[in-house]
Amino acid sequence: MKAIIHILLLFLTILVFTIYSVQSKPEDHCECHYQATKNGCIIARGPPQQGFKCQCRISKFFVWTHCIGTKLQCNTGETCPANCSSRDCCVVAGGDCNGY
């Protein structure tokens, strides 16, 4: 029984590490953080290039809730300044902005 528990814990540890590694972004991407008190996301780091936006979405893994940011190219007519982390920039991207 102890062996099965150890194997399950090892598997869970590897799974969590793998998910975290896959979601880690290079420096040219954006980053979103989960605000538990408001049950929503904020942009923690906007894309460093002008013309890109950061779309936040909530992701849940068992009891762990977090936000994932996806860098998207802006559509024609959208204002997307570099490094923008405001609520307005979040709304333009169309993701979860309830953390503001």
N, C-alpha and C. Protein backbone atom coordinates (compact mmCIF):
# COMPACT_ATOMS: atom_id res chain seq x y z
N MET A 1 0.81 -1.19 0.00
CA MET A 1 0.00 0.00 0.00
C MET A 1 0.86 1.27 0.00
N LYS A 2 1.95 1.25 0.81
CA LYS A 2 2.85 2.41 0.85
C LYS A 2 3.50 2.65 -0.51
N ALA A 3 3.83 1.57 -1.20
CA ALA A 3 4.46 1.70 -2.51
C ALA A 3 3.51 2.38 -3.50
N ILE A 4 2.25 2.04 -3.45
CA ILE A 4 1.26 2.64 -4.36
C ILE A 4 1.12 4.13 -4.06
N ILE A 5 1.09 4.50 -2.79
CA ILE A 5 0.98 5.91 -2.41
C ILE A 5 2.21 6.68 -2.89
N HIS A 6 3.40 6.10 -2.74
CA HIS A 6 4.62 6.76 -3.19
C HIS A 6 4.63 6.93 -4.70
N ILE A 7 4.17 5.93 -5.41
CA ILE A 7 4.10 6.02 -6.88
C ILE A 7 3.11 7.10 -7.30
N LEU A 8 1.97 7.16 -6.65
CA LEU A 8 0.97 8.19 -6.97
C LEU A 8 1.50 9.59 -6.67
N LEU A 9 2.20 9.76 -5.56
CA LEU A 9 2.78 11.06 -5.22
C LEU A 9 3.86 11.46 -6.23
N LEU A 10 4.67 10.51 -6.63
CA LEU A 10 5.69 10.77 -7.64
C LEU A 10 5.04 11.18 -8.96
N PHE A 11 4.00 10.46 -9.37
CA PHE A 11 3.28 10.77 -10.61
C PHE A 11 2.67 12.17 -10.53
N LEU A 12 2.05 12.50 -9.41
CA LEU A 12 1.43 13.82 -9.24
C LEU A 12 2.48 14.92 -9.30
N THR A 13 3.62 14.71 -8.67
CA THR A 13 4.71 15.69 -8.69
C THR A 13 5.21 15.91 -10.11
N ILE A 14 5.41 14.84 -10.84
CA ILE A 14 5.87 14.95 -12.24
C ILE A 14 4.82 15.67 -13.08
N LEU A 15 3.56 15.37 -12.87
CA LEU A 15 2.48 16.00 -13.63
C LEU A 15 2.43 17.50 -13.37
N VAL A 16 2.51 17.91 -12.11
CA VAL A 16 2.49 19.33 -11.77
C VAL A 16 3.70 20.03 -12.37
N PHE A 17 4.87 19.46 -12.27
CA PHE A 17 6.08 20.05 -12.83
C PHE A 17 5.96 20.20 -14.34
N THR A 18 5.42 19.18 -15.01
CA THR A 18 5.27 19.22 -16.46
C THR A 18 4.30 20.33 -16.87
N ILE A 19 3.18 20.44 -16.20
CA ILE A 19 2.21 21.49 -16.53
C ILE A 19 2.83 22.86 -16.32
N TYR A 20 3.53 23.05 -15.22
CA TYR A 20 4.18 24.33 -14.96
C TYR A 20 5.22 24.65 -16.02
N SER A 21 6.01 23.67 -16.43
CA SER A 21 7.05 23.89 -17.43
C SER A 21 6.46 24.25 -18.78
N VAL A 22 5.39 23.59 -19.16
CA VAL A 22 4.76 23.86 -20.45
C VAL A 22 4.17 25.26 -20.47
N GLN A 23 3.66 25.73 -19.33
CA GLN A 23 3.03 27.04 -19.28
C GLN A 23 4.03 28.18 -19.09
N SER A 24 5.29 27.87 -18.80
CA SER A 24 6.29 28.92 -18.65
C SER A 24 6.53 29.56 -20.01
N LYS A 25 6.62 30.86 -20.03
CA LYS A 25 6.73 31.59 -21.28
C LYS A 25 8.09 32.26 -21.39
N PRO A 26 8.59 32.38 -22.63
CA PRO A 26 9.80 33.17 -22.83
C PRO A 26 9.53 34.64 -22.48
N GLU A 27 10.57 35.43 -22.41
CA GLU A 27 10.46 36.83 -21.99
C GLU A 27 9.63 37.69 -22.93
N ASP A 28 9.42 37.28 -24.18
CA ASP A 28 8.65 38.11 -25.10
C ASP A 28 7.15 37.83 -25.03
N HIS A 29 6.73 37.01 -24.11
CA HIS A 29 5.32 36.71 -23.95
C HIS A 29 4.74 37.50 -22.79
N CYS A 30 3.46 37.33 -22.57
CA CYS A 30 2.80 38.03 -21.47
C CYS A 30 2.55 37.07 -20.30
N GLU A 31 2.17 37.67 -19.18
CA GLU A 31 1.95 36.88 -17.98
C GLU A 31 0.73 37.42 -17.25
N CYS A 32 -0.13 36.53 -16.81
CA CYS A 32 -1.33 36.91 -16.06
C CYS A 32 -1.28 36.27 -14.68
N HIS A 33 -1.84 36.97 -13.69
CA HIS A 33 -1.91 36.46 -12.32
C HIS A 33 -3.35 36.36 -11.86
N TYR A 34 -3.60 35.37 -11.03
CA TYR A 34 -4.93 35.16 -10.49
C TYR A 34 -5.10 35.96 -9.21
N GLN A 35 -6.21 36.69 -9.10
CA GLN A 35 -6.55 37.46 -7.91
C GLN A 35 -7.69 36.73 -7.20
N ALA A 36 -7.35 36.00 -6.15
CA ALA A 36 -8.33 35.16 -5.47
C ALA A 36 -9.47 35.97 -4.86
N THR A 37 -9.17 37.16 -4.37
CA THR A 37 -10.21 37.97 -3.73
C THR A 37 -11.28 38.43 -4.71
N LYS A 38 -10.93 38.49 -5.99
CA LYS A 38 -11.89 38.92 -7.01
C LYS A 38 -12.24 37.80 -7.98
N ASN A 39 -11.65 36.62 -7.77
CA ASN A 39 -11.88 35.45 -8.62
C ASN A 39 -11.70 35.78 -10.10
N GLY A 40 -10.56 36.40 -10.42
CA GLY A 40 -10.30 36.75 -11.81
C GLY A 40 -8.84 37.03 -12.06
N CYS A 41 -8.54 37.37 -13.30
CA CYS A 41 -7.16 37.58 -13.74
C CYS A 41 -6.83 39.06 -13.90
N ILE A 42 -5.53 39.34 -13.79
CA ILE A 42 -4.96 40.64 -14.17
C ILE A 42 -3.74 40.35 -15.04
N ILE A 43 -3.38 41.31 -15.88
CA ILE A 43 -2.14 41.18 -16.66
C ILE A 43 -1.01 41.63 -15.75
N ALA A 44 -0.09 40.74 -15.47
CA ALA A 44 1.07 41.06 -14.64
C ALA A 44 2.20 41.63 -15.49
N ARG A 45 2.32 41.16 -16.73
CA ARG A 45 3.34 41.66 -17.66
C ARG A 45 2.76 41.58 -19.07
N GLY A 46 2.60 42.73 -19.68
CA GLY A 46 2.09 42.77 -21.05
C GLY A 46 3.19 42.46 -22.05
N PRO A 47 2.82 42.13 -23.29
CA PRO A 47 3.84 41.87 -24.31
C PRO A 47 4.73 43.10 -24.52
N PRO A 48 6.04 42.90 -24.64
CA PRO A 48 6.94 44.04 -24.74
C PRO A 48 6.88 44.78 -26.08
N GLN A 49 6.28 44.16 -27.09
CA GLN A 49 6.21 44.81 -28.40
C GLN A 49 4.85 45.49 -28.60
N GLN A 50 4.89 46.65 -29.22
CA GLN A 50 3.65 47.32 -29.60
C GLN A 50 2.96 46.47 -30.67
N GLY A 51 1.64 46.46 -30.65
CA GLY A 51 0.89 45.69 -31.65
C GLY A 51 0.48 44.32 -31.19
N PHE A 52 0.73 44.00 -29.91
CA PHE A 52 0.33 42.72 -29.35
C PHE A 52 -0.48 42.94 -28.07
N LYS A 53 -1.36 42.01 -27.77
CA LYS A 53 -2.20 42.09 -26.58
C LYS A 53 -2.05 40.79 -25.79
N CYS A 54 -2.48 40.83 -24.53
CA CYS A 54 -2.37 39.67 -23.65
C CYS A 54 -3.77 39.23 -23.25
N GLN A 55 -4.13 38.03 -23.62
CA GLN A 55 -5.43 37.47 -23.27
C GLN A 55 -5.26 36.53 -22.08
N CYS A 56 -5.94 36.85 -20.98
CA CYS A 56 -5.85 36.04 -19.77
C CYS A 56 -7.02 35.05 -19.70
N ARG A 57 -6.74 33.88 -19.17
CA ARG A 57 -7.81 32.92 -18.93
C ARG A 57 -7.51 32.18 -17.64
N ILE A 58 -8.60 31.81 -16.94
CA ILE A 58 -8.47 31.06 -15.70
C ILE A 58 -8.28 29.58 -16.02
N SER A 59 -7.38 28.96 -15.31
CA SER A 59 -7.14 27.53 -15.44
C SER A 59 -7.18 26.91 -14.05
N LYS A 60 -7.80 25.76 -13.95
CA LYS A 60 -7.88 25.07 -12.66
C LYS A 60 -7.25 23.69 -12.77
N PHE A 61 -6.47 23.35 -11.75
CA PHE A 61 -5.83 22.05 -11.64
C PHE A 61 -6.11 21.55 -10.23
N PHE A 62 -7.08 20.66 -10.11
CA PHE A 62 -7.58 20.21 -8.81
C PHE A 62 -8.03 21.43 -8.01
N VAL A 63 -7.37 21.77 -6.91
CA VAL A 63 -7.75 22.92 -6.10
C VAL A 63 -6.91 24.16 -6.42
N TRP A 64 -5.96 24.04 -7.33
CA TRP A 64 -5.06 25.14 -7.67
C TRP A 64 -5.65 25.92 -8.84
N THR A 65 -6.00 27.18 -8.60
CA THR A 65 -6.53 28.06 -9.64
C THR A 65 -5.46 29.08 -9.99
N HIS A 66 -5.24 29.28 -11.28
CA HIS A 66 -4.25 30.25 -11.73
C HIS A 66 -4.69 30.82 -13.07
N CYS A 67 -3.99 31.82 -13.55
CA CYS A 67 -4.30 32.44 -14.83
C CYS A 67 -3.16 32.21 -15.81
N ILE A 68 -3.52 32.05 -17.06
CA ILE A 68 -2.56 31.84 -18.13
C ILE A 68 -2.72 32.99 -19.12
N GLY A 69 -1.61 33.58 -19.52
CA GLY A 69 -1.63 34.66 -20.51
C GLY A 69 -1.19 34.16 -21.87
N THR A 70 -1.92 34.59 -22.90
CA THR A 70 -1.58 34.24 -24.27
C THR A 70 -1.36 35.52 -25.07
N LYS A 71 -0.21 35.63 -25.69
CA LYS A 71 0.12 36.79 -26.50
C LYS A 71 -0.55 36.65 -27.86
N LEU A 72 -1.32 37.67 -28.24
CA LEU A 72 -2.03 37.67 -29.52
C LEU A 72 -1.70 38.94 -30.29
N GLN A 73 -1.66 38.84 -31.61
CA GLN A 73 -1.46 40.03 -32.44
C GLN A 73 -2.76 40.84 -32.44
N CYS A 74 -2.63 42.15 -32.37
CA CYS A 74 -3.81 43.02 -32.35
C CYS A 74 -4.46 43.08 -33.72
N ASN A 75 -5.76 43.27 -33.71
CA ASN A 75 -6.51 43.44 -34.96
C ASN A 75 -6.36 44.87 -35.45
N THR A 76 -6.65 45.08 -36.71
CA THR A 76 -6.59 46.42 -37.29
C THR A 76 -7.54 47.34 -36.52
N GLY A 77 -7.04 48.51 -36.15
CA GLY A 77 -7.85 49.48 -35.44
C GLY A 77 -7.76 49.39 -33.92
N GLU A 78 -7.18 48.33 -33.37
CA GLU A 78 -7.02 48.20 -31.93
C GLU A 78 -5.76 48.94 -31.48
N THR A 79 -5.83 49.56 -30.33
CA THR A 79 -4.68 50.23 -29.75
C THR A 79 -4.02 49.26 -28.78
N CYS A 80 -2.79 48.87 -29.07
CA CYS A 80 -2.08 47.89 -28.24
C CYS A 80 -0.66 48.38 -27.98
N PRO A 81 -0.49 49.23 -26.94
CA PRO A 81 0.85 49.72 -26.62
C PRO A 81 1.73 48.61 -26.02
N ALA A 82 3.02 48.82 -26.09
CA ALA A 82 3.96 47.87 -25.50
C ALA A 82 3.84 47.84 -23.99
N ASN A 83 4.04 46.68 -23.40
CA ASN A 83 4.08 46.50 -21.94
C ASN A 83 2.79 46.92 -21.22
N CYS A 84 1.67 46.86 -21.88
CA CYS A 84 0.43 47.33 -21.27
C CYS A 84 -0.16 46.24 -20.37
N SER A 85 -0.46 46.65 -19.13
CA SER A 85 -1.05 45.71 -18.18
C SER A 85 -2.32 46.29 -17.54
N SER A 86 -2.89 47.29 -18.17
CA SER A 86 -4.09 47.93 -17.62
C SER A 86 -5.34 47.08 -17.89
N ARG A 87 -6.41 47.42 -17.20
CA ARG A 87 -7.69 46.74 -17.42
C ARG A 87 -8.16 46.97 -18.85
N ASP A 88 -7.96 48.17 -19.38
CA ASP A 88 -8.37 48.47 -20.75
C ASP A 88 -7.68 47.53 -21.75
N CYS A 89 -6.40 47.30 -21.56
CA CYS A 89 -5.67 46.39 -22.46
C CYS A 89 -6.18 44.96 -22.30
N CYS A 90 -6.52 44.59 -21.09
CA CYS A 90 -7.07 43.26 -20.84
C CYS A 90 -8.41 43.09 -21.56
N VAL A 91 -9.26 44.11 -21.48
CA VAL A 91 -10.57 44.06 -22.13
C VAL A 91 -10.44 43.96 -23.64
N VAL A 92 -9.47 44.70 -24.22
CA VAL A 92 -9.24 44.64 -25.66
C VAL A 92 -8.92 43.20 -26.09
N ALA A 93 -8.18 42.49 -25.25
CA ALA A 93 -7.79 41.11 -25.59
C ALA A 93 -8.94 40.13 -25.47
N GLY A 94 -9.99 40.50 -24.74
CA GLY A 94 -11.19 39.65 -24.67
C GLY A 94 -11.12 38.48 -23.72
N GLY A 95 -10.19 38.48 -22.78
CA GLY A 95 -10.09 37.37 -21.84
C GLY A 95 -10.77 37.66 -20.52
N ASP A 96 -10.34 36.97 -19.47
CA ASP A 96 -10.87 37.18 -18.13
C ASP A 96 -10.15 38.38 -17.51
N CYS A 97 -10.90 39.41 -17.17
CA CYS A 97 -10.35 40.63 -16.58
C CYS A 97 -11.00 40.94 -15.24
N ASN A 98 -11.55 39.95 -14.59
CA ASN A 98 -12.30 40.18 -13.35
C ASN A 98 -11.40 40.47 -12.15
N GLY A 99 -10.08 40.36 -12.29
CA GLY A 99 -9.19 40.59 -11.17
C GLY A 99 -8.88 42.05 -10.91
N TYR A 100 -9.27 42.93 -11.84
CA TYR A 100 -8.98 44.37 -11.67
C TYR A 100 -9.95 45.01 -10.71
